[in-house]
Amino acid sequence: MNTLSNEEKLQVINSRIKSLNYNKYNLDIDLIVENAKASPVAATISSLNTSISEVNSQIAALTTEAAKYTSEEA
C-alpha cells in the first residue's frame, strides 16, 4: 500500500539527492587531497573518479524520478 503523496515522495527524493551531493563533495575533497600528495596513488584517483561518476549517475536518475512528481502536480 502506497500512502505517500507526490509531495512527500518528492521530499524523500530531494533529501536523497542532497545526501548524494554531500557524498560527492566529500569524494571531490578526497580527490583534491590525493592529488596534492607528493606521490598520488593512481589507483586511489581512479577509484575516486569512478565513485564520483557513480554518484553523478545516481543524482541524474533521481532528478529524472523527481521530475515525474513535479510535473504531475503542475
PDB file of N, CA and C in Angstrom:
ATOM      1  N   MET A   1       0.841  -1.184   0.000  1.00  0.00           N
ATOM      2  CA  MET A   1       0.000   0.000   0.000  1.00  0.00           C
ATOM      3  C   MET A   1       0.880   1.238   0.000  1.00  0.00           C
ATOM      4  N   ASN A   2       0.647   2.112  -0.951  1.00  0.00           N
ATOM      5  CA  ASN A   2       1.452   3.316  -1.083  1.00  0.00           C
ATOM      6  C   ASN A   2       0.696   4.488  -0.476  1.00  0.00           C
ATOM      7  N   THR A   3       1.197   5.002   0.629  1.00  0.00           N
ATOM      8  CA  THR A   3       0.473   6.058   1.332  1.00  0.00           C
ATOM      9  C   THR A   3       1.155   7.414   1.240  1.00  0.00           C
ATOM     10  N   LEU A   4       2.225   7.521   0.484  1.00  0.00           N
ATOM     11  CA  LEU A   4       2.916   8.799   0.359  1.00  0.00           C
ATOM     12  C   LEU A   4       2.288   9.635  -0.756  1.00  0.00           C
ATOM     13  N   SER A   5       2.112  10.910  -0.464  1.00  0.00           N
ATOM     14  CA  SER A   5       1.634  11.817  -1.503  1.00  0.00           C
ATOM     15  C   SER A   5       2.802  12.107  -2.453  1.00  0.00           C
ATOM     16  N   ASN A   6       2.492  12.678  -3.597  1.00  0.00           N
ATOM     17  CA  ASN A   6       3.557  13.040  -4.539  1.00  0.00           C
ATOM     18  C   ASN A   6       4.518  14.043  -3.915  1.00  0.00           C
ATOM     19  N   GLU A   7       3.989  14.958  -3.116  1.00  0.00           N
ATOM     20  CA  GLU A   7       4.848  15.931  -2.436  1.00  0.00           C
ATOM     21  C   GLU A   7       5.799  15.237  -1.467  1.00  0.00           C
ATOM     22  N   GLU A   8       5.294  14.251  -0.737  1.00  0.00           N
ATOM     23  CA  GLU A   8       6.141  13.507   0.196  1.00  0.00           C
ATOM     24  C   GLU A   8       7.205  12.695  -0.551  1.00  0.00           C
ATOM     25  N   LYS A   9       6.812  12.088  -1.657  1.00  0.00           N
ATOM     26  CA  LYS A   9       7.775  11.342  -2.471  1.00  0.00           C
ATOM     27  C   LYS A   9       8.874  12.270  -2.965  1.00  0.00           C
ATOM     28  N   LEU A  10       8.475  13.448  -3.399  1.00  0.00           N
ATOM     29  CA  LEU A  10       9.440  14.429  -3.881  1.00  0.00           C
ATOM     30  C   LEU A  10      10.384  14.858  -2.764  1.00  0.00           C
ATOM     31  N   GLN A  11       9.878  15.018  -1.572  1.00  0.00           N
ATOM     32  CA  GLN A  11      10.717  15.375  -0.429  1.00  0.00           C
ATOM     33  C   GLN A  11      11.745  14.288  -0.142  1.00  0.00           C
ATOM     34  N   VAL A  12      11.321  13.030  -0.214  1.00  0.00           N
ATOM     35  CA  VAL A  12      12.242  11.912   0.016  1.00  0.00           C
ATOM     36  C   VAL A  12      13.334  11.903  -1.053  1.00  0.00           C
ATOM     37  N   ILE A  13      12.927  12.071  -2.301  1.00  0.00           N
ATOM     38  CA  ILE A  13      13.897  12.076  -3.402  1.00  0.00           C
ATOM     39  C   ILE A  13      14.873  13.238  -3.246  1.00  0.00           C
ATOM     40  N   ASN A  14      14.341  14.434  -2.942  1.00  0.00           N
ATOM     41  CA  ASN A  14      15.221  15.593  -2.782  1.00  0.00           C
ATOM     42  C   ASN A  14      16.181  15.431  -1.612  1.00  0.00           C
ATOM     43  N   SER A  15      15.720  14.782  -0.562  1.00  0.00           N
ATOM     44  CA  SER A  15      16.588  14.505   0.577  1.00  0.00           C
ATOM     45  C   SER A  15      17.724  13.560   0.171  1.00  0.00           C
ATOM     46  N   ARG A  16      17.390  12.547  -0.610  1.00  0.00           N
ATOM     47  CA  ARG A  16      18.409  11.605  -1.080  1.00  0.00           C
ATOM     48  C   ARG A  16      19.396  12.301  -2.009  1.00  0.00           C
ATOM     49  N   ILE A  17      18.897  13.178  -2.882  1.00  0.00           N
ATOM     50  CA  ILE A  17      19.779  13.930  -3.784  1.00  0.00           C
ATOM     51  C   ILE A  17      20.734  14.795  -2.972  1.00  0.00           C
ATOM     52  N   LYS A  18      20.220  15.428  -1.934  1.00  0.00           N
ATOM     53  CA  LYS A  18      21.072  16.262  -1.087  1.00  0.00           C
ATOM     54  C   LYS A  18      22.158  15.411  -0.426  1.00  0.00           C
ATOM     55  N   SER A  19      21.784  14.260   0.057  1.00  0.00           N
ATOM     56  CA  SER A  19      22.749  13.351   0.676  1.00  0.00           C
ATOM     57  C   SER A  19      23.818  12.923  -0.330  1.00  0.00           C
ATOM     58  N   LEU A  20      23.394  12.615  -1.542  1.00  0.00           N
ATOM     59  CA  LEU A  20      24.356  12.241  -2.584  1.00  0.00           C
ATOM     60  C   LEU A  20      25.281  13.399  -2.935  1.00  0.00           C
ATOM     61  N   ASN A  21      24.749  14.622  -2.919  1.00  0.00           N
ATOM     62  CA  ASN A  21      25.598  15.788  -3.182  1.00  0.00           C
ATOM     63  C   ASN A  21      26.650  15.970  -2.089  1.00  0.00           C
ATOM     64  N   TYR A  22      26.273  15.712  -0.834  1.00  0.00           N
ATOM     65  CA  TYR A  22      27.262  15.749   0.254  1.00  0.00           C
ATOM     66  C   TYR A  22      28.333  14.683   0.023  1.00  0.00           C
ATOM     67  N   ASN A  23      27.891  13.491  -0.348  1.00  0.00           N
ATOM     68  CA  ASN A  23      28.823  12.399  -0.617  1.00  0.00           C
ATOM     69  C   ASN A  23      29.775  12.760  -1.750  1.00  0.00           C
ATOM     70  N   LYS A  24      29.218  13.343  -2.818  1.00  0.00           N
ATOM     71  CA  LYS A  24      30.032  13.743  -3.965  1.00  0.00           C
ATOM     72  C   LYS A  24      31.055  14.801  -3.562  1.00  0.00           C
ATOM     73  N   TYR A  25      30.633  15.750  -2.740  1.00  0.00           N
ATOM     74  CA  TYR A  25      31.560  16.793  -2.296  1.00  0.00           C
ATOM     75  C   TYR A  25      32.706  16.183  -1.485  1.00  0.00           C
ATOM     76  N   ASN A  26      32.378  15.227  -0.619  1.00  0.00           N
ATOM     77  CA  ASN A  26      33.424  14.536   0.140  1.00  0.00           C
ATOM     78  C   ASN A  26      34.384  13.801  -0.785  1.00  0.00           C
ATOM     79  N   LEU A  27      33.862  13.168  -1.819  1.00  0.00           N
ATOM     80  CA  LEU A  27      34.727  12.493  -2.788  1.00  0.00           C
ATOM     81  C   LEU A  27      35.600  13.497  -3.538  1.00  0.00           C
ATOM     82  N   ASP A  28      35.015  14.647  -3.891  1.00  0.00           N
ATOM     83  CA  ASP A  28      35.790  15.701  -4.550  1.00  0.00           C
ATOM     84  C   ASP A  28      36.946  16.169  -3.659  1.00  0.00           C
ATOM     85  N   ILE A  29      36.671  16.334  -2.377  1.00  0.00           N
ATOM     86  CA  ILE A  29      37.712  16.740  -1.419  1.00  0.00           C
ATOM     87  C   ILE A  29      38.784  15.657  -1.319  1.00  0.00           C
ATOM     88  N   ASP A  30      38.357  14.403  -1.240  1.00  0.00           N
ATOM     89  CA  ASP A  30      39.319  13.294  -1.191  1.00  0.00           C
ATOM     90  C   ASP A  30      40.210  13.298  -2.431  1.00  0.00           C
ATOM     91  N   LEU A  31      39.621  13.599  -3.582  1.00  0.00           N
ATOM     92  CA  LEU A  31      40.395  13.655  -4.826  1.00  0.00           C
ATOM     93  C   LEU A  31      41.403  14.800  -4.789  1.00  0.00           C
ATOM     94  N   ILE A  32      40.995  15.949  -4.287  1.00  0.00           N
ATOM     95  CA  ILE A  32      41.919  17.084  -4.148  1.00  0.00           C
ATOM     96  C   ILE A  32      43.074  16.714  -3.233  1.00  0.00           C
ATOM     97  N   VAL A  33      42.758  16.096  -2.118  1.00  0.00           N
ATOM     98  CA  VAL A  33      43.785  15.699  -1.147  1.00  0.00           C
ATOM     99  C   VAL A  33      44.746  14.687  -1.762  1.00  0.00           C
ATOM    100  N   GLU A  34      44.200  13.700  -2.459  1.00  0.00           N
ATOM    101  CA  GLU A  34      45.063  12.684  -3.074  1.00  0.00           C
ATOM    102  C   GLU A  34      45.981  13.311  -4.120  1.00  0.00           C
ATOM    103  N   ASN A  35      45.439  14.205  -4.933  1.00  0.00           N
ATOM    104  CA  ASN A  35      46.245  14.854  -5.965  1.00  0.00           C
ATOM    105  C   ASN A  35      47.291  15.805  -5.387  1.00  0.00           C
ATOM    106  N   ALA A  36      47.081  16.253  -4.151  1.00  0.00           N
ATOM    107  CA  ALA A  36      48.024  17.169  -3.511  1.00  0.00           C
ATOM    108  C   ALA A  36      49.225  16.444  -2.900  1.00  0.00           C
ATOM    109  N   LYS A  37      49.152  15.136  -2.808  1.00  0.00           N
ATOM    110  CA  LYS A  37      50.258  14.368  -2.240  1.00  0.00           C
ATOM    111  C   LYS A  37      51.482  14.438  -3.147  1.00  0.00           C
ATOM    112  N   ALA A  38      52.650  14.272  -2.540  1.00  0.00           N
ATOM    113  CA  ALA A  38      53.892  14.258  -3.312  1.00  0.00           C
ATOM    114  C   ALA A  38      53.867  13.117  -4.331  1.00  0.00           C
ATOM    115  N   SER A  39      53.291  11.996  -3.942  1.00  0.00           N
ATOM    116  CA  SER A  39      53.168  10.842  -4.840  1.00  0.00           C
ATOM    117  C   SER A  39      51.743  10.315  -4.804  1.00  0.00           C
ATOM    118  N   PRO A  40      50.842  10.948  -5.565  1.00  0.00           N
ATOM    119  CA  PRO A  40      49.454  10.467  -5.582  1.00  0.00           C
ATOM    120  C   PRO A  40      49.384   9.022  -6.081  1.00  0.00           C
ATOM    121  N   VAL A  41      48.500   8.266  -5.491  1.00  0.00           N
ATOM    122  CA  VAL A  41      48.324   6.868  -5.873  1.00  0.00           C
ATOM    123  C   VAL A  41      47.292   6.813  -7.006  1.00  0.00           C
ATOM    124  N   ALA A  42      47.728   6.345  -8.160  1.00  0.00           N
ATOM    125  CA  ALA A  42      46.867   6.310  -9.345  1.00  0.00           C
ATOM    126  C   ALA A  42      45.612   5.476  -9.112  1.00  0.00           C
ATOM    127  N   ALA A  43      45.738   4.374  -8.415  1.00  0.00           N
ATOM    128  CA  ALA A  43      44.583   3.510  -8.162  1.00  0.00           C
ATOM    129  C   ALA A  43      43.551   4.225  -7.297  1.00  0.00           C
ATOM    130  N   THR A  44      44.008   5.015  -6.342  1.00  0.00           N
ATOM    131  CA  THR A  44      43.096   5.773  -5.485  1.00  0.00           C
ATOM    132  C   THR A  44      42.370   6.839  -6.291  1.00  0.00           C
ATOM    133  N   ILE A  45      43.102   7.524  -7.149  1.00  0.00           N
ATOM    134  CA  ILE A  45      42.499   8.553  -8.008  1.00  0.00           C
ATOM    135  C   ILE A  45      41.469   7.922  -8.926  1.00  0.00           C
ATOM    136  N   SER A  46      41.800   6.795  -9.509  1.00  0.00           N
ATOM    137  CA  SER A  46      40.871   6.090 -10.389  1.00  0.00           C
ATOM    138  C   SER A  46      39.610   5.681  -9.634  1.00  0.00           C
ATOM    139  N   SER A  47      39.791   5.141  -8.441  1.00  0.00           N
ATOM    140  CA  SER A  47      38.658   4.710  -7.629  1.00  0.00           C
ATOM    141  C   SER A  47      37.768   5.895  -7.255  1.00  0.00           C
ATOM    142  N   LEU A  48      38.382   7.001  -6.881  1.00  0.00           N
ATOM    143  CA  LEU A  48      37.605   8.194  -6.532  1.00  0.00           C
ATOM    144  C   LEU A  48      36.827   8.711  -7.743  1.00  0.00           C
ATOM    145  N   ASN A  49      37.482   8.739  -8.909  1.00  0.00           N
ATOM    146  CA  ASN A  49      36.798   9.181 -10.119  1.00  0.00           C
ATOM    147  C   ASN A  49      35.632   8.268 -10.473  1.00  0.00           C
ATOM    148  N   THR A  50      35.805   6.973 -10.276  1.00  0.00           N
ATOM    149  CA  THR A  50      34.723   6.019 -10.519  1.00  0.00           C
ATOM    150  C   THR A  50      33.563   6.275  -9.558  1.00  0.00           C
ATOM    151  N   SER A  51      33.888   6.493  -8.303  1.00  0.00           N
ATOM    152  CA  SER A  51      32.851   6.759  -7.303  1.00  0.00           C
ATOM    153  C   SER A  51      32.102   8.047  -7.611  1.00  0.00           C
ATOM    154  N   ILE A  52      32.822   9.077  -8.041  1.00  0.00           N
ATOM    155  CA  ILE A  52      32.196  10.348  -8.408  1.00  0.00           C
ATOM    156  C   ILE A  52      31.249  10.147  -9.585  1.00  0.00           C
ATOM    157  N   SER A  53      31.667   9.375 -10.569  1.00  0.00           N
ATOM    158  CA  SER A  53      30.816   9.095 -11.723  1.00  0.00           C
ATOM    159  C   SER A  53      29.550   8.349 -11.315  1.00  0.00           C
ATOM    160  N   GLU A  54      29.697   7.393 -10.411  1.00  0.00           N
ATOM    161  CA  GLU A  54      28.541   6.635  -9.930  1.00  0.00           C
ATOM    162  C   GLU A  54      27.557   7.542  -9.198  1.00  0.00           C
ATOM    163  N   VAL A  55      28.080   8.432  -8.364  1.00  0.00           N
ATOM    164  CA  VAL A  55      27.211   9.357  -7.639  1.00  0.00           C
ATOM    165  C   VAL A  55      26.502  10.284  -8.623  1.00  0.00           C
ATOM    166  N   ASN A  56      27.229  10.762  -9.625  1.00  0.00           N
ATOM    167  CA  ASN A  56      26.608  11.624 -10.636  1.00  0.00           C
ATOM    168  C   ASN A  56      25.474  10.891 -11.351  1.00  0.00           C
ATOM    169  N   SER A  57      25.665   9.613 -11.643  1.00  0.00           N
ATOM    170  CA  SER A  57      24.621   8.814 -12.292  1.00  0.00           C
ATOM    171  C   SER A  57      23.405   8.657 -11.386  1.00  0.00           C
ATOM    172  N   GLN A  58      23.657   8.439 -10.109  1.00  0.00           N
ATOM    173  CA  GLN A  58      22.559   8.296  -9.152  1.00  0.00           C
ATOM    174  C   GLN A  58      21.777   9.599  -9.024  1.00  0.00           C
ATOM    175  N   ILE A  59      22.489  10.718  -8.970  1.00  0.00           N
ATOM    176  CA  ILE A  59      21.833  12.020  -8.892  1.00  0.00           C
ATOM    177  C   ILE A  59      20.980  12.248 -10.140  1.00  0.00           C
ATOM    178  N   ALA A  60      21.528  11.925 -11.296  1.00  0.00           N
ATOM    179  CA  ALA A  60      20.781  12.094 -12.553  1.00  0.00           C
ATOM    180  C   ALA A  60      19.516  11.237 -12.555  1.00  0.00           C
ATOM    181  N   ALA A  61      19.628   9.999 -12.092  1.00  0.00           N
ATOM    182  CA  ALA A  61      18.461   9.103 -12.058  1.00  0.00           C
ATOM    183  C   ALA A  61      17.386   9.637 -11.118  1.00  0.00           C
ATOM    184  N   LEU A  62      17.803  10.120  -9.963  1.00  0.00           N
ATOM    185  CA  LEU A  62      16.827  10.649  -9.008  1.00  0.00           C
ATOM    186  C   LEU A  62      16.227  11.967  -9.487  1.00  0.00           C
ATOM    187  N   THR A  63      17.011  12.765 -10.188  1.00  0.00           N
ATOM    188  CA  THR A  63      16.496  14.013 -10.748  1.00  0.00           C
ATOM    189  C   THR A  63      15.407  13.712 -11.780  1.00  0.00           C
ATOM    190  N   THR A  64      15.635  12.688 -12.584  1.00  0.00           N
ATOM    191  CA  THR A  64      14.623  12.253 -13.547  1.00  0.00           C
ATOM    192  C   THR A  64      13.374  11.767 -12.829  1.00  0.00           C
ATOM    193  N   GLU A  65      13.573  10.995 -11.772  1.00  0.00           N
ATOM    194  CA  GLU A  65      12.438  10.491 -10.993  1.00  0.00           C
ATOM    195  C   GLU A  65      11.668  11.646 -10.349  1.00  0.00           C
ATOM    196  N   ALA A  66      12.378  12.626  -9.822  1.00  0.00           N
ATOM    197  CA  ALA A  66      11.737  13.778  -9.182  1.00  0.00           C
ATOM    198  C   ALA A  66      10.882  14.553 -10.180  1.00  0.00           C
ATOM    199  N   ALA A  67      11.325  14.614 -11.419  1.00  0.00           N
ATOM    200  CA  ALA A  67      10.582  15.349 -12.446  1.00  0.00           C
ATOM    201  C   ALA A  67       9.199  14.748 -12.669  1.00  0.00           C
ATOM    202  N   LYS A  68       9.057  13.458 -12.444  1.00  0.00           N
ATOM    203  CA  LYS A  68       7.753  12.805 -12.594  1.00  0.00           C
ATOM    204  C   LYS A  68       6.741  13.378 -11.603  1.00  0.00           C
ATOM    205  N   TYR A  69       7.210  13.692 -10.415  1.00  0.00           N
ATOM    206  CA  TYR A  69       6.306  14.169  -9.369  1.00  0.00           C
ATOM    207  C   TYR A  69       6.078  15.658  -9.457  1.00  0.00           C
ATOM    208  N   THR A  70       7.041  16.397  -9.957  1.00  0.00           N
ATOM    209  CA  THR A  70       6.823  17.838 -10.096  1.00  0.00           C
ATOM    210  C   THR A  70       5.904  18.117 -11.270  1.00  0.00           C
ATOM    211  N   SER A  71       5.984  17.334 -12.341  1.00  0.00           N
ATOM    212  CA  SER A  71       5.120  17.569 -13.499  1.00  0.00           C
ATOM    213  C   SER A  71       3.691  17.113 -13.235  1.00  0.00           C
ATOM    214  N   GLU A  72       3.523  16.112 -12.376  1.00  0.00           N
ATOM    215  CA  GLU A  72       2.173  15.621 -12.062  1.00  0.00           C
ATOM    216  C   GLU A  72       1.388  16.623 -11.240  1.00  0.00           C
ATOM    217  N   GLU A  73       2.106  17.420 -10.444  1.00  0.00           N
ATOM    218  CA  GLU A  73       1.412  18.346  -9.562  1.00  0.00           C
ATOM    219  C   GLU A  73       1.218  19.704 -10.218  1.00  0.00           C
ATOM    220  N   ALA A  74       1.818  19.899 -11.390  1.00  0.00           N
ATOM    221  CA  ALA A  74       1.696  21.204 -12.054  1.00  0.00           C
ATOM    222  C   ALA A  74       0.329  21.382 -12.676  1.00  0.00           C
TER     223      ALA A  74
END
